[in-house]
Structure formats: C-alpha cells, structure tokens
Amino acid sequence: MKPKVNLYGVLLFFTLFFSLIMIGHNFIVPAIVKPDNMISLFYVRKDKNANTFQSEIYPIAIYTHGKYVDASKDVTDHVNRKPQDESYLARISNFFVIAKGRILGKYHVDEISPSPFMCSSIMTGKGALKNANSLSGVFDQIEGSHASHSKGFVDKNEYDYELKWSLAASQINSVSGAGIVVTENDIERYKADLITAGSLLLANYVSDDSTEADRGLVLDKLSVFDLDHDGQPEVSATLKKTIRKKVNALLRTDGTDEYSNDTAYLNLWVTYKDGSPQVILSRVSYEREASWGSGADLVGTLDVDGDGIEEVILRVSGWEVVEFEIYAYRDSKLVRIFHGAGFGC
C-alpha cells in the first residue's frame, strides 16, 4: 500500500519556501539594544592630617538611545523635593574606575546626596570599592596631574586635603589603546611635531612688550593613544604660551606701563598618516592673569558607544567653574559632541 500524501501540506510547504527565497533579502534583523553608559568622574579625597579617604561618583553624561544627555543634577534651588530620586544614579549604581588605560576597580553607589567637595549642590553617589583595592591604593595610582590641594584653617582647626579625580564609566567596551608601542625616539619626534604645529596655531597670540624675548611654548602632558585601533598613534599634549599684555589703565609708580602675564593654552591632538602628522583637534583657551583658568585637562579616552572607536573626555577649568566636553573621532577629526555638567568651585 502506497502511503497517502497530504497535498495541502506539500503545497503549503513549497509556498512558504519560495516566499522566503523571494523576500529573504528584506528580512529585518532585530537591533541589539545596548545598555546605557554613564560617563562620570571618580573623586577621592585624602585628609592628610587624619590619613582618611572619602570618595564619590560625579555624573557627567549618559549615552542613551544614540545621544548624550547631561547626567549632572544641580539641586541648589530645590527645597521640598527629593532630587535623589531624579538622579540617573538612582538606576545606574555600578562603575568601573579607570586611570592610564587600566581598570583600577569597581565602585558601587550606596547613597545619593549633595557633594561635599563642591560649592554647587550637585547630587553625587557615595559608596565603596567592590574589589580588594582600597581607596588609598586607588588614590596612589591616580596621576598627580589629576589632583588639587587645599590647606588652611576653619574655626582655628587646620585642614589639609588632596583631591584626585579619574574617569569612571558604567559600561566598558574598551579602554585606551595600550597596544601602541612607542620608543624614546618616537616621543622626541612627537614632541617636535607638536611644538611645530603649536607654534603655527598660536602665532597670532603675541606680546605687546616688544622688548621681551619670545618665551616660546611649554609642552606638557604628552600622551599616546590609538583611538580607532588602526595601529597608528593619536598623540595629545597641552601646550601653553605666556602673552604679556599692556594694561592701559595701570602705570607703575615710575610712570612705566604695567603688563599682565596672560596665558594661551592649546589642547593639541595629531594623528599620523603615512608617517606625517595631521592635526585632528586644536582647542585654544585664553586665560587672563590671575583668572585661575588652566585650559582643558584630559580625563581619559573610552569607547562609550561600543562602535570600536574611543571618545575623548576633557575637563575644562575656569574661574571657579569646571565643565566637561566629549569628542568623537570622525572623518579624521575630533568633533565635540557634548558640553556641560558644570559645577562651581
């Protein structure tokens, strides 16, 4: 006896089969939803008199749904509310602390309250390191250029604090391109290239005092990265140039002109293509004498959005104010994509 064939089933099978072949190229693959990534600053303060440490997480920006949103929360004007419930820290509480391209530890936020380190009432997260590292150990691993020192008296009680800061993020895709190997000769070449480019970029910033010899550029904080992981270095440095400007309203007691020693700060980034340097970012800050401004400091680099290319995070210091900027590496240029999260003092 021959087996019975279900003609309806066969017809349905081939109909579906050929339909899939015809429309297969139009299939929609569900997008992978990436978790939000909060970029923050990790603060740790050492009380030198008591040899104790305090720490906190200061939110800068959260990358969500393809864009950056200011994650800071100033509650100076909030009176009868619970601003801690409105902070992004209420739903993101775990962070990686990063310095010099290395993960120093994991930090968990247990409490959200105004920062004790700032004049503004900024909501920050207080907690503890989750791994074996101590705050003192992390403090020692953060570079000295990411530090400030305050000392004095309050009601006849002496205080002596050193505050250090480093990059923190809730998600890690990659940290700085530590795979780039450089020699001492490379470093000397990078310095020469940056000074040459910096001299041209700051050529219009000249002193009014023609009798004063050109003081030239001072190069500081040179770092080497591989932002797009193509094996070619991206090199950054801060350069500064002293500019003597005549103060028209002031004369010395002997009748001669009074001058102010202003400073032009240049944050300069170059990449190397076919062995030649190409400028990808030149950011100039002009600071008057005694303005306390010091241009922009590099917080660090991190692949925030998971596209395989690292973003650059800068900390901008002015007169009793700090702000943050994030740059994306696009089309051989660093393009600013975020500015904000400022606080006083």
Protein backbone atom coordinates (compact mmCIF):
# COMPACT_ATOMS: atom_id res chain seq x y z
CA MET A 1 0.00 0.00 0.00
CA LYS A 2 1.34 3.36 -1.00
CA PRO A 3 1.49 6.00 1.74
CA LYS A 4 -1.04 8.80 1.46
CA VAL A 5 0.33 12.20 0.52
CA ASN A 6 -1.11 15.29 2.14
CA LEU A 7 -1.31 17.52 -0.95
CA TYR A 8 -2.41 20.51 1.12
CA GLY A 9 0.66 20.21 3.36
CA VAL A 10 3.02 19.88 0.38
CA LEU A 11 1.50 22.91 -1.30
CA LEU A 12 1.79 24.97 1.88
CA PHE A 13 5.44 23.93 2.34
CA PHE A 14 6.52 24.97 -1.15
CA THR A 15 4.53 28.20 -0.97
CA LEU A 16 6.32 29.20 2.22
CA PHE A 17 9.68 28.02 0.87
CA PHE A 18 9.56 30.13 -2.31
CA SER A 19 8.13 33.08 -0.41
CA LEU A 20 11.12 33.05 1.91
CA ILE A 21 13.51 32.95 -1.04
CA MET A 22 11.81 35.93 -2.69
CA ILE A 23 11.69 38.16 0.38
CA GLY A 24 14.73 36.90 2.28
CA HIS A 25 16.76 39.99 1.47
CA ASN A 26 14.10 42.12 3.14
CA PHE A 27 14.25 40.36 6.49
CA ILE A 28 14.53 42.78 9.40
CA VAL A 29 17.06 41.66 11.99
CA PRO A 30 16.14 42.96 15.44
CA ALA A 31 18.66 45.56 16.60
CA ILE A 32 20.78 44.72 19.60
CA VAL A 33 19.84 47.18 22.33
CA LYS A 34 22.97 48.36 24.09
CA PRO A 35 22.73 49.31 27.77
CA ASP A 36 23.01 52.96 28.74
CA ASN A 37 26.55 54.06 29.54
CA MET A 38 27.12 56.75 32.15
CA ILE A 39 30.39 58.66 31.93
CA SER A 40 31.44 60.03 35.30
CA LEU A 41 34.29 61.39 37.32
CA PHE A 42 35.56 59.42 40.28
CA TYR A 43 36.70 61.67 43.12
CA VAL A 44 38.79 60.54 46.06
CA ARG A 45 39.92 62.99 48.74
CA LYS A 46 42.67 62.36 51.26
CA ASP A 47 42.63 64.07 54.64
CA LYS A 48 46.36 64.35 55.19
CA ASN A 49 46.01 65.16 58.87
CA ALA A 50 43.79 62.19 59.71
CA ASN A 51 45.05 59.91 56.87
CA THR A 52 41.46 59.09 55.90
CA PHE A 53 39.76 58.97 52.49
CA GLN A 54 36.38 59.97 51.04
CA SER A 55 35.11 59.11 47.57
CA GLU A 56 32.20 59.80 45.25
CA ILE A 57 30.95 59.45 41.68
CA TYR A 58 30.16 62.68 39.82
CA PRO A 59 27.87 62.02 36.81
CA ILE A 60 28.87 63.79 33.59
CA ALA A 61 26.81 62.39 30.73
CA ILE A 62 24.77 59.33 29.93
CA TYR A 63 24.84 57.79 26.46
CA THR A 64 21.33 56.55 25.74
CA HIS A 65 19.40 55.84 22.53
CA GLY A 66 22.28 57.12 20.40
CA LYS A 67 22.80 60.50 22.07
CA TYR A 68 24.50 62.09 25.05
CA VAL A 69 22.39 63.57 27.86
CA ASP A 70 23.70 65.72 30.72
CA ALA A 71 23.63 63.44 33.76
CA SER A 72 24.56 66.02 36.41
CA LYS A 73 21.91 67.18 38.86
CA ASP A 74 22.18 70.61 40.49
CA VAL A 75 19.72 70.84 43.40
CA THR A 76 20.71 74.27 44.70
CA ASP A 77 17.20 75.63 44.09
CA HIS A 78 15.33 72.50 45.20
CA VAL A 79 13.75 72.81 48.64
CA ASN A 80 10.86 70.46 49.34
CA ARG A 81 11.70 67.72 46.85
CA LYS A 82 13.66 64.51 46.76
CA PRO A 83 16.12 65.21 43.94
CA GLN A 84 17.97 61.97 44.62
CA ASP A 85 15.01 60.17 43.03
CA GLU A 86 15.53 62.21 39.85
CA SER A 87 19.24 61.47 39.54
CA TYR A 88 20.43 58.96 36.95
CA LEU A 89 22.39 57.41 39.82
CA ALA A 90 19.09 56.08 41.12
CA ARG A 91 19.10 53.47 38.33
CA ILE A 92 22.81 53.18 37.47
CA SER A 93 24.94 52.45 40.51
CA ASN A 94 27.91 50.32 39.39
CA PHE A 95 31.01 51.88 37.82
CA PHE A 96 34.48 50.97 36.61
CA VAL A 97 37.22 53.34 37.81
CA ILE A 98 39.82 53.89 35.08
CA ALA A 99 43.24 55.57 35.07
CA LYS A 100 46.03 55.47 32.50
CA GLY A 101 44.08 52.98 30.41
CA ARG A 102 43.70 50.48 33.26
CA ILE A 103 40.69 49.49 35.34
CA LEU A 104 41.57 50.29 38.95
CA GLY A 105 38.46 48.84 40.50
CA LYS A 106 34.68 48.58 40.60
CA TYR A 107 32.70 51.13 42.59
CA HIS A 108 29.14 50.72 43.88
CA VAL A 109 26.98 53.72 44.79
CA ASP A 110 25.00 53.22 48.02
CA GLU A 111 23.82 56.78 48.68
CA ILE A 112 22.88 59.81 46.56
CA SER A 113 23.37 63.22 48.18
CA PRO A 114 24.94 66.66 47.51
CA SER A 115 28.71 66.60 47.06
CA PRO A 116 30.90 67.70 49.99
CA PHE A 117 33.70 68.59 47.55
CA MET A 118 31.95 71.38 45.57
CA CYS A 119 30.32 74.74 46.20
CA SER A 120 27.34 73.86 43.99
CA SER A 121 24.73 71.48 45.39
CA ILE A 122 25.44 68.69 42.93
CA MET A 123 23.99 65.23 43.52
CA THR A 124 26.77 62.64 43.59
CA GLY A 125 26.99 58.98 44.52
CA LYS A 126 28.78 57.81 47.65
CA GLY A 127 29.73 54.19 48.10
CA ALA A 128 32.68 51.83 48.18
CA LEU A 129 35.03 49.83 46.01
CA LYS A 130 33.70 46.34 45.42
CA ASN A 131 37.03 44.62 44.88
CA ALA A 132 40.02 44.21 47.17
CA ASN A 133 41.57 47.54 46.24
CA SER A 134 41.48 50.16 48.96
CA LEU A 135 40.76 53.85 48.43
CA SER A 136 44.32 54.61 49.47
CA GLY A 137 45.64 52.21 46.82
CA VAL A 138 43.47 53.73 44.09
CA PHE A 139 44.43 57.22 45.27
CA ASP A 140 48.13 56.39 44.83
CA GLN A 141 47.55 55.06 41.28
CA ILE A 142 45.87 58.25 40.00
CA GLU A 143 48.43 60.53 38.38
CA GLY A 144 49.48 63.73 40.09
CA SER A 145 48.30 65.91 37.19
CA HIS A 146 44.73 64.92 38.13
CA ALA A 147 44.91 66.46 41.59
CA SER A 148 44.31 69.64 43.57
CA HIS A 149 45.46 70.63 47.03
CA SER A 150 43.81 72.81 49.65
CA LYS A 151 45.12 73.78 53.06
CA GLY A 152 44.02 76.27 55.69
CA PHE A 153 42.02 76.86 58.86
CA VAL A 154 38.31 76.76 59.71
CA ASP A 155 37.41 77.98 63.22
CA LYS A 156 41.05 77.56 64.23
CA ASN A 157 41.01 73.95 63.04
CA GLU A 158 43.61 73.16 60.39
CA TYR A 159 42.66 71.18 57.30
CA ASP A 160 44.92 69.70 54.65
CA TYR A 161 43.20 67.95 51.73
CA GLU A 162 44.40 66.48 48.44
CA LEU A 163 41.67 65.73 45.92
CA LYS A 164 42.27 63.41 42.95
CA TRP A 165 39.97 62.54 40.08
CA SER A 166 39.80 59.92 37.37
CA LEU A 167 37.47 58.56 34.70
CA ALA A 168 34.61 56.22 35.62
CA ALA A 169 32.01 54.51 33.42
CA SER A 170 29.12 52.14 33.97
CA GLN A 171 29.98 50.08 30.87
CA ILE A 172 33.37 49.08 29.48
CA ASN A 173 33.73 48.44 25.75
CA SER A 174 37.44 49.21 25.54
CA VAL A 175 39.88 51.46 27.35
CA SER A 176 42.78 53.40 25.91
CA GLY A 177 44.78 51.89 23.08
CA ALA A 178 47.60 50.47 25.15
CA GLY A 179 48.66 48.33 22.19
CA ILE A 180 50.67 51.18 20.65
CA VAL A 181 54.36 50.65 21.37
CA VAL A 182 56.49 53.80 21.33
CA THR A 183 60.19 54.36 21.82
CA GLU A 184 62.07 57.29 23.28
CA ASN A 185 62.88 58.38 19.72
CA ASP A 186 59.15 58.31 18.91
CA ILE A 187 58.40 60.52 21.91
CA GLU A 188 61.05 63.04 20.91
CA ARG A 189 59.64 63.12 17.39
CA TYR A 190 56.09 63.61 18.67
CA LYS A 191 57.24 66.49 20.87
CA ALA A 192 58.98 68.19 17.94
CA ASP A 193 55.93 67.74 15.68
CA LEU A 194 53.54 69.10 18.32
CA ILE A 195 55.71 72.11 19.07
CA THR A 196 55.96 72.90 15.34
CA ALA A 197 52.19 72.66 14.89
CA GLY A 198 51.53 74.53 18.14
CA SER A 199 53.82 77.41 17.17
CA LEU A 200 51.82 77.93 13.98
CA LEU A 201 48.45 77.66 15.74
CA LEU A 202 49.45 80.18 18.42
CA ALA A 203 51.34 82.52 16.08
CA ASN A 204 48.68 85.24 16.39
CA TYR A 205 48.98 85.34 20.19
CA VAL A 206 51.81 87.85 20.57
CA SER A 207 53.06 90.01 23.41
CA ASP A 208 52.70 93.79 23.49
CA ASP A 209 56.12 94.07 25.09
CA SER A 210 58.46 94.12 22.12
CA THR A 211 61.49 94.25 24.38
CA GLU A 212 60.55 90.95 25.97
CA ALA A 213 62.22 87.96 24.32
CA ASP A 214 59.88 85.36 22.87
CA ARG A 215 59.33 82.87 25.63
CA GLY A 216 58.23 80.17 23.23
CA LEU A 217 55.98 77.24 24.02
CA VAL A 218 55.95 74.96 27.02
CA LEU A 219 54.80 71.42 26.21
CA ASP A 220 53.18 69.37 28.95
CA LYS A 221 51.22 66.17 29.46
CA LEU A 222 52.03 64.30 26.25
CA SER A 223 50.04 61.07 25.82
CA VAL A 224 49.84 58.46 23.06
CA PHE A 225 46.63 56.61 22.10
CA ASP A 226 45.15 54.57 19.26
CA LEU A 227 41.59 55.89 19.18
CA ASP A 228 40.43 53.93 16.14
CA HIS A 229 42.67 50.89 16.74
CA ASP A 230 44.26 51.06 13.30
CA GLY A 231 47.81 50.70 14.63
CA GLN A 232 48.61 54.38 14.01
CA PRO A 233 49.12 56.66 17.03
CA GLU A 234 46.98 59.62 18.03
CA VAL A 235 49.13 61.92 20.18
CA SER A 236 47.85 64.59 22.55
CA ALA A 237 49.57 67.30 24.53
CA THR A 238 48.85 70.52 26.34
CA LEU A 239 50.96 73.50 25.26
CA LYS A 240 50.99 76.92 26.84
CA LYS A 241 52.41 80.26 25.81
CA THR A 242 52.82 83.31 28.04
CA ILE A 243 51.49 86.53 26.49
CA ARG A 244 52.47 89.89 28.00
CA LYS A 245 49.61 92.34 27.51
CA LYS A 246 49.69 96.03 28.31
CA VAL A 247 47.17 97.07 30.96
CA ASN A 248 46.13 100.50 29.71
CA ALA A 249 44.54 101.59 32.96
CA LEU A 250 47.62 100.89 35.07
CA LEU A 251 51.00 102.53 35.35
CA ARG A 252 53.82 101.67 37.68
CA THR A 253 54.89 104.29 40.22
CA ASP A 254 57.80 105.21 37.96
CA GLY A 255 55.38 106.02 35.13
CA THR A 256 56.12 102.95 33.01
CA ASP A 257 53.46 100.65 31.61
CA GLU A 258 52.01 97.80 33.63
CA TYR A 259 51.71 94.41 31.94
CA SER A 260 49.70 91.30 32.68
CA ASN A 261 51.11 87.88 32.03
CA ASP A 262 48.26 86.11 30.26
CA THR A 263 48.44 82.52 29.04
CA ALA A 264 47.21 80.81 25.89
CA TYR A 265 46.55 77.11 26.45
CA LEU A 266 46.41 74.78 23.48
CA ASN A 267 44.99 71.27 23.62
CA LEU A 268 46.51 69.69 20.55
CA TRP A 269 45.88 66.26 19.03
CA VAL A 270 47.58 64.85 15.95
CA THR A 271 47.37 61.54 14.14
CA TYR A 272 49.92 60.03 11.79
CA LYS A 273 49.05 59.06 8.23
CA ASP A 274 51.84 57.72 6.02
CA GLY A 275 54.31 58.89 8.63
CA SER A 276 53.21 62.53 8.60
CA PRO A 277 51.41 64.34 11.46
CA GLN A 278 47.89 65.66 10.83
CA VAL A 279 46.08 67.90 13.32
CA ILE A 280 42.76 66.40 14.42
CA LEU A 281 41.98 68.84 17.26
CA SER A 282 43.29 72.26 18.27
CA ARG A 283 41.46 73.81 21.21
CA VAL A 284 42.71 77.19 22.48
CA SER A 285 41.82 78.73 25.85
CA TYR A 286 42.99 82.28 26.53
CA GLU A 287 43.26 83.00 30.24
CA ARG A 288 43.87 86.39 31.80
CA GLU A 289 46.43 86.69 34.58
CA ALA A 290 45.01 85.60 37.96
CA SER A 291 41.91 84.13 36.27
CA TRP A 292 42.76 80.69 37.72
CA GLY A 293 41.85 79.13 34.41
CA SER A 294 44.14 76.38 33.14
CA GLY A 295 42.56 75.31 29.89
CA ALA A 296 41.37 71.74 29.46
CA ASP A 297 42.75 68.58 31.04
CA LEU A 298 42.41 65.14 29.53
CA VAL A 299 40.22 62.94 31.73
CA GLY A 300 40.71 59.91 29.51
CA THR A 301 39.54 58.02 26.44
CA LEU A 302 36.85 55.35 26.27
CA ASP A 303 34.71 53.61 23.67
CA VAL A 304 31.45 54.93 25.09
CA ASP A 305 29.00 53.80 22.40
CA GLY A 306 30.57 50.45 21.53
CA ASP A 307 31.46 51.28 17.91
CA GLY A 308 35.11 50.31 18.35
CA ILE A 309 36.38 53.92 18.34
CA GLU A 310 37.26 55.71 21.55
CA GLU A 311 35.80 59.05 22.58
CA VAL A 312 37.89 61.73 24.31
CA ILE A 313 36.72 63.28 27.59
CA LEU A 314 38.09 66.69 28.67
CA ARG A 315 37.75 68.56 31.95
CA VAL A 316 37.70 72.35 31.39
CA SER A 317 38.74 74.57 34.32
CA GLY A 318 37.90 78.27 34.53
CA TRP A 319 37.29 80.89 37.20
CA GLU A 320 35.70 78.82 40.00
CA VAL A 321 33.90 76.63 37.47
CA VAL A 322 34.52 73.22 35.92
CA GLU A 323 32.81 71.86 32.81
CA PHE A 324 33.20 68.78 30.64
CA GLU A 325 33.46 68.08 26.92
CA ILE A 326 33.26 64.82 24.97
CA TYR A 327 34.74 64.45 21.49
CA ALA A 328 34.12 61.76 18.86
CA TYR A 329 36.76 60.76 16.30
CA ARG A 330 35.03 61.15 12.93
CA ASP A 331 36.47 61.64 9.44
CA SER A 332 39.99 62.21 10.79
CA LYS A 333 38.80 64.95 13.16
CA LEU A 334 37.85 65.10 16.83
CA VAL A 335 34.34 66.61 16.88
CA ARG A 336 32.74 67.90 20.07
CA ILE A 337 29.51 66.02 20.77
CA PHE A 338 28.86 67.04 24.40
CA HIS A 339 29.43 70.10 26.56
CA GLY A 340 28.03 70.55 30.06
CA ALA A 341 27.82 69.00 33.54
CA GLY A 342 29.40 72.11 35.07
CA PHE A 343 29.79 72.91 38.75
CA GLY A 344 31.19 75.72 40.86
CA CYS A 345 34.50 75.77 42.75
